[in-house]
Amino acid sequence: MKTYPKVAVGGVITLENKILLGKRRDEPDRYKWAIPGGKLELNETIEEGLKREMLEETGLTVEVESLLGISEIIRKDFHYVILDYKCRPVKGIEQAGSDALKLKYFDMESLDNSINESTMEFIKEMKKSTNFIHIIKKDID
C-alpha cells in the first residue's frame, strides 16, 4: 500500500531563455517533458535528494541555489508535493539517465503540449513573476 503525500524535488536549469527538461520514461505523464527530479528517499535531506536526482536524470552535478516554488498535485489516490529549485551545473555532461529518456533545452516562449501539465504551469508562472510560486492542482472534491 502506498503512503501519501509524497515529497519530490525538481531542478530548474536555465540557459538564456531556455529550460532543461527530461522526457519521462515512466508514469505519470510517460513520454511528456518535465523538470528533472524525483521523490525523496528515506533519511535524505531535500538538498541531498535533489543533487542525487539531478545526477541520476541529467548526468550533472549541481549547486542548489534557491527555492523557486512548490506545486501540490492532489488526485484520487495520488498526492505529491514538489519543491522546485533553481540549480547551477558545476560538473558533468548533460546525459539522460534513470527516469529520463532524453534531455532537451526548450525555449520558454514556445512550449507545446509535449510538456507535462504541471511543468507547463510552473514555467508560465516562473516567466511572469519573480515571486515565490505556489501551484495547487486539486482534482477531487
C-alpha atoms as a PDB file:
ATOM      1  CA  MET A   1       0.000   0.000   0.000  1.00  0.00           C
ATOM      2  CA  LYS A   2       1.318   3.429  -0.943  1.00  0.00           C
ATOM      3  CA  THR A   3       1.540   6.144   1.672  1.00  0.00           C
ATOM      4  CA  TYR A   4       0.768   9.719   0.657  1.00  0.00           C
ATOM      5  CA  PRO A   5       1.601  12.545   0.380  1.00  0.00           C
ATOM      6  CA  LYS A   6       4.945  12.036  -1.362  1.00  0.00           C
ATOM      7  CA  VAL A   7       7.636  14.720  -1.328  1.00  0.00           C
ATOM      8  CA  ALA A   8       9.505  15.255  -4.582  1.00  0.00           C
ATOM      9  CA  VAL A   9      12.138  17.705  -5.784  1.00  0.00           C
ATOM     10  CA  GLY A  10      12.851  19.241  -9.168  1.00  0.00           C
ATOM     11  CA  GLY A  11      15.892  21.030 -10.532  1.00  0.00           C
ATOM     12  CA  VAL A  12      15.392  24.025 -12.800  1.00  0.00           C
ATOM     13  CA  ILE A  13      18.395  24.667 -15.049  1.00  0.00           C
ATOM     14  CA  THR A  14      18.102  27.562 -17.469  1.00  0.00           C
ATOM     15  CA  LEU A  15      20.369  28.803 -20.233  1.00  0.00           C
ATOM     16  CA  GLU A  16      19.427  32.230 -21.557  1.00  0.00           C
ATOM     17  CA  ASN A  17      15.666  31.860 -22.185  1.00  0.00           C
ATOM     18  CA  LYS A  18      15.731  28.061 -22.346  1.00  0.00           C
ATOM     19  CA  ILE A  19      14.963  25.446 -19.691  1.00  0.00           C
ATOM     20  CA  LEU A  20      16.358  21.919 -19.466  1.00  0.00           C
ATOM     21  CA  LEU A  21      13.626  19.261 -19.442  1.00  0.00           C
ATOM     22  CA  GLY A  22      13.696  15.484 -19.418  1.00  0.00           C
ATOM     23  CA  LYS A  23      11.369  13.199 -21.352  1.00  0.00           C
ATOM     24  CA  ARG A  24       9.703  10.937 -18.766  1.00  0.00           C
ATOM     25  CA  ARG A  25      10.220   7.192 -19.072  1.00  0.00           C
ATOM     26  CA  ASP A  26       7.514   6.232 -16.569  1.00  0.00           C
ATOM     27  CA  GLU A  27       4.027   7.229 -15.474  1.00  0.00           C
ATOM     28  CA  PRO A  28       2.654   9.630 -14.537  1.00  0.00           C
ATOM     29  CA  ASP A  29       2.913  11.512 -17.828  1.00  0.00           C
ATOM     30  CA  ARG A  30       5.048   8.954 -19.627  1.00  0.00           C
ATOM     31  CA  TYR A  31       6.773  10.436 -22.722  1.00  0.00           C
ATOM     32  CA  LYS A  32       5.970  14.001 -21.651  1.00  0.00           C
ATOM     33  CA  TRP A  33       8.741  16.531 -20.967  1.00  0.00           C
ATOM     34  CA  ALA A  34       9.160  17.647 -17.359  1.00  0.00           C
ATOM     35  CA  ILE A  35      11.525  19.352 -14.949  1.00  0.00           C
ATOM     36  CA  PRO A  36      14.114  16.717 -13.921  1.00  0.00           C
ATOM     37  CA  GLY A  37      13.721  15.375 -10.398  1.00  0.00           C
ATOM     38  CA  GLY A  38      12.017  12.760  -8.307  1.00  0.00           C
ATOM     39  CA  LYS A  39      10.969  11.532  -4.881  1.00  0.00           C
ATOM     40  CA  LEU A  40      12.994  11.970  -1.739  1.00  0.00           C
ATOM     41  CA  GLU A  41      14.283   8.783  -0.172  1.00  0.00           C
ATOM     42  CA  LEU A  42      14.084   7.878   3.497  1.00  0.00           C
ATOM     43  CA  ASN A  43      16.666   9.731   5.661  1.00  0.00           C
ATOM     44  CA  GLU A  44      17.641  12.050   2.791  1.00  0.00           C
ATOM     45  CA  THR A  45      17.616  15.837   3.044  1.00  0.00           C
ATOM     46  CA  ILE A  46      15.939  17.887   0.324  1.00  0.00           C
ATOM     47  CA  GLU A  47      19.310  19.083  -0.997  1.00  0.00           C
ATOM     48  CA  GLU A  48      20.803  15.576  -0.960  1.00  0.00           C
ATOM     49  CA  GLY A  49      17.771  14.213  -2.806  1.00  0.00           C
ATOM     50  CA  LEU A  50      17.825  16.972  -5.396  1.00  0.00           C
ATOM     51  CA  LYS A  51      21.531  16.513  -6.095  1.00  0.00           C
ATOM     52  CA  ARG A  52      21.059  12.722  -6.381  1.00  0.00           C
ATOM     53  CA  GLU A  53      18.072  13.045  -8.708  1.00  0.00           C
ATOM     54  CA  MET A  54      19.798  15.607 -10.928  1.00  0.00           C
ATOM     55  CA  LEU A  55      22.886  13.421 -11.270  1.00  0.00           C
ATOM     56  CA  GLU A  56      20.758  10.325 -11.996  1.00  0.00           C
ATOM     57  CA  GLU A  57      18.494  12.033 -14.540  1.00  0.00           C
ATOM     58  CA  THR A  58      20.806  14.571 -16.196  1.00  0.00           C
ATOM     59  CA  GLY A  59      24.378  13.413 -15.547  1.00  0.00           C
ATOM     60  CA  LEU A  60      25.064  16.799 -13.945  1.00  0.00           C
ATOM     61  CA  THR A  61      26.419  17.621 -10.512  1.00  0.00           C
ATOM     62  CA  VAL A  62      24.562  20.759  -9.463  1.00  0.00           C
ATOM     63  CA  GLU A  63      24.757  23.504  -6.914  1.00  0.00           C
ATOM     64  CA  VAL A  64      21.348  24.191  -5.380  1.00  0.00           C
ATOM     65  CA  GLU A  65      20.769  27.950  -5.492  1.00  0.00           C
ATOM     66  CA  SER A  66      17.247  28.817  -4.340  1.00  0.00           C
ATOM     67  CA  LEU A  67      13.724  27.508  -3.901  1.00  0.00           C
ATOM     68  CA  LEU A  68      11.579  28.779  -6.772  1.00  0.00           C
ATOM     69  CA  GLY A  69       8.266  27.299  -5.739  1.00  0.00           C
ATOM     70  CA  ILE A  70       6.045  24.466  -4.629  1.00  0.00           C
ATOM     71  CA  SER A  71       3.489  22.503  -6.620  1.00  0.00           C
ATOM     72  CA  GLU A  72       0.814  20.433  -4.901  1.00  0.00           C
ATOM     73  CA  ILE A  73      -0.795  17.821  -7.123  1.00  0.00           C
ATOM     74  CA  ILE A  74      -3.751  16.097  -5.497  1.00  0.00           C
ATOM     75  CA  ARG A  75      -5.931  13.489  -7.195  1.00  0.00           C
ATOM     76  CA  LYS A  76      -7.810  10.427  -6.001  1.00  0.00           C
ATOM     77  CA  ASP A  77      -5.144   8.049  -4.601  1.00  0.00           C
ATOM     78  CA  PHE A  78      -2.328  10.432  -5.658  1.00  0.00           C
ATOM     79  CA  HIS A  79      -0.798  13.317  -3.711  1.00  0.00           C
ATOM     80  CA  TYR A  80       2.600  14.873  -4.450  1.00  0.00           C
ATOM     81  CA  VAL A  81       4.262  17.959  -3.012  1.00  0.00           C
ATOM     82  CA  ILE A  82       7.030  19.052  -5.394  1.00  0.00           C
ATOM     83  CA  LEU A  83       9.708  21.560  -4.387  1.00  0.00           C
ATOM     84  CA  ASP A  84      11.386  23.100  -7.453  1.00  0.00           C
ATOM     85  CA  TYR A  85      14.817  24.670  -7.010  1.00  0.00           C
ATOM     86  CA  LYS A  86      16.988  26.780  -9.266  1.00  0.00           C
ATOM     87  CA  CYS A  87      20.168  24.791  -9.888  1.00  0.00           C
ATOM     88  CA  ARG A  88      23.512  25.577 -11.460  1.00  0.00           C
ATOM     89  CA  PRO A  89      25.519  22.808 -13.145  1.00  0.00           C
ATOM     90  CA  VAL A  90      29.061  22.585 -11.751  1.00  0.00           C
ATOM     91  CA  LYS A  91      30.315  19.322 -13.280  1.00  0.00           C
ATOM     92  CA  GLY A  92      29.349  16.711 -15.844  1.00  0.00           C
ATOM     93  CA  ILE A  93      27.857  16.456 -19.292  1.00  0.00           C
ATOM     94  CA  GLU A  94      24.112  16.535 -19.932  1.00  0.00           C
ATOM     95  CA  GLN A  95      23.090  12.943 -20.484  1.00  0.00           C
ATOM     96  CA  ALA A  96      19.687  11.339 -19.920  1.00  0.00           C
ATOM     97  CA  GLY A  97      19.622   8.518 -17.442  1.00  0.00           C
ATOM     98  CA  SER A  98      17.409   6.750 -14.915  1.00  0.00           C
ATOM     99  CA  ASP A  99      13.835   8.021 -15.416  1.00  0.00           C
ATOM    100  CA  ALA A 100      14.623  10.339 -18.348  1.00  0.00           C
ATOM    101  CA  LEU A 101      14.615   9.059 -21.931  1.00  0.00           C
ATOM    102  CA  LYS A 102      16.062  12.271 -23.386  1.00  0.00           C
ATOM    103  CA  LEU A 103      17.130  15.748 -22.309  1.00  0.00           C
ATOM    104  CA  LYS A 104      16.449  18.903 -24.246  1.00  0.00           C
ATOM    105  CA  TYR A 105      16.553  22.673 -23.746  1.00  0.00           C
ATOM    106  CA  PHE A 106      13.189  24.242 -24.561  1.00  0.00           C
ATOM    107  CA  ASP A 107      12.636  27.877 -25.432  1.00  0.00           C
ATOM    108  CA  MET A 108      10.328  29.108 -22.662  1.00  0.00           C
ATOM    109  CA  GLU A 109       8.435  31.274 -25.166  1.00  0.00           C
ATOM    110  CA  SER A 110       7.396  28.386 -27.417  1.00  0.00           C
ATOM    111  CA  LEU A 111       6.232  25.467 -25.297  1.00  0.00           C
ATOM    112  CA  ASP A 112       3.751  22.939 -26.666  1.00  0.00           C
ATOM    113  CA  ASN A 113       1.562  20.074 -25.468  1.00  0.00           C
ATOM    114  CA  SER A 114       4.541  17.694 -25.295  1.00  0.00           C
ATOM    115  CA  ILE A 115       5.308  19.330 -21.910  1.00  0.00           C
ATOM    116  CA  ASN A 116       3.513  17.837 -18.905  1.00  0.00           C
ATOM    117  CA  GLU A 117       0.752  19.995 -17.449  1.00  0.00           C
ATOM    118  CA  SER A 118       2.322  20.827 -14.086  1.00  0.00           C
ATOM    119  CA  THR A 119       5.678  21.694 -15.702  1.00  0.00           C
ATOM    120  CA  MET A 120       3.918  23.920 -18.225  1.00  0.00           C
ATOM    121  CA  GLU A 121       2.060  25.756 -15.480  1.00  0.00           C
ATOM    122  CA  PHE A 122       5.210  26.150 -13.379  1.00  0.00           C
ATOM    123  CA  ILE A 123       7.206  27.583 -16.303  1.00  0.00           C
ATOM    124  CA  LYS A 124       4.404  30.041 -17.147  1.00  0.00           C
ATOM    125  CA  GLU A 125       4.354  31.264 -13.542  1.00  0.00           C
ATOM    126  CA  MET A 126       8.144  31.438 -13.432  1.00  0.00           C
ATOM    127  CA  LYS A 127       8.240  33.610 -16.588  1.00  0.00           C
ATOM    128  CA  LYS A 128       5.719  36.167 -15.365  1.00  0.00           C
ATOM    129  CA  SER A 129       6.807  36.542 -11.743  1.00  0.00           C
ATOM    130  CA  THR A 130       9.939  36.897  -9.681  1.00  0.00           C
ATOM    131  CA  ASN A 131       7.945  35.939  -6.594  1.00  0.00           C
ATOM    132  CA  PHE A 132       7.670  32.535  -4.979  1.00  0.00           C
ATOM    133  CA  ILE A 133       5.454  30.168  -6.978  1.00  0.00           C
ATOM    134  CA  HIS A 134       2.766  28.068  -5.307  1.00  0.00           C
ATOM    135  CA  ILE A 135       0.588  25.930  -7.543  1.00  0.00           C
ATOM    136  CA  ILE A 136      -2.259  23.768  -6.271  1.00  0.00           C
ATOM    137  CA  LYS A 137      -3.856  21.245  -8.638  1.00  0.00           C
ATOM    138  CA  LYS A 138      -6.654  19.509  -6.783  1.00  0.00           C
ATOM    139  CA  ASP A 139      -8.881  17.278  -8.881  1.00  0.00           C
ATOM    140  CA  ILE A 140     -11.017  15.724  -6.133  1.00  0.00           C
ATOM    141  CA  ASP A 141     -13.920  17.042  -4.094  1.00  0.00           C
END
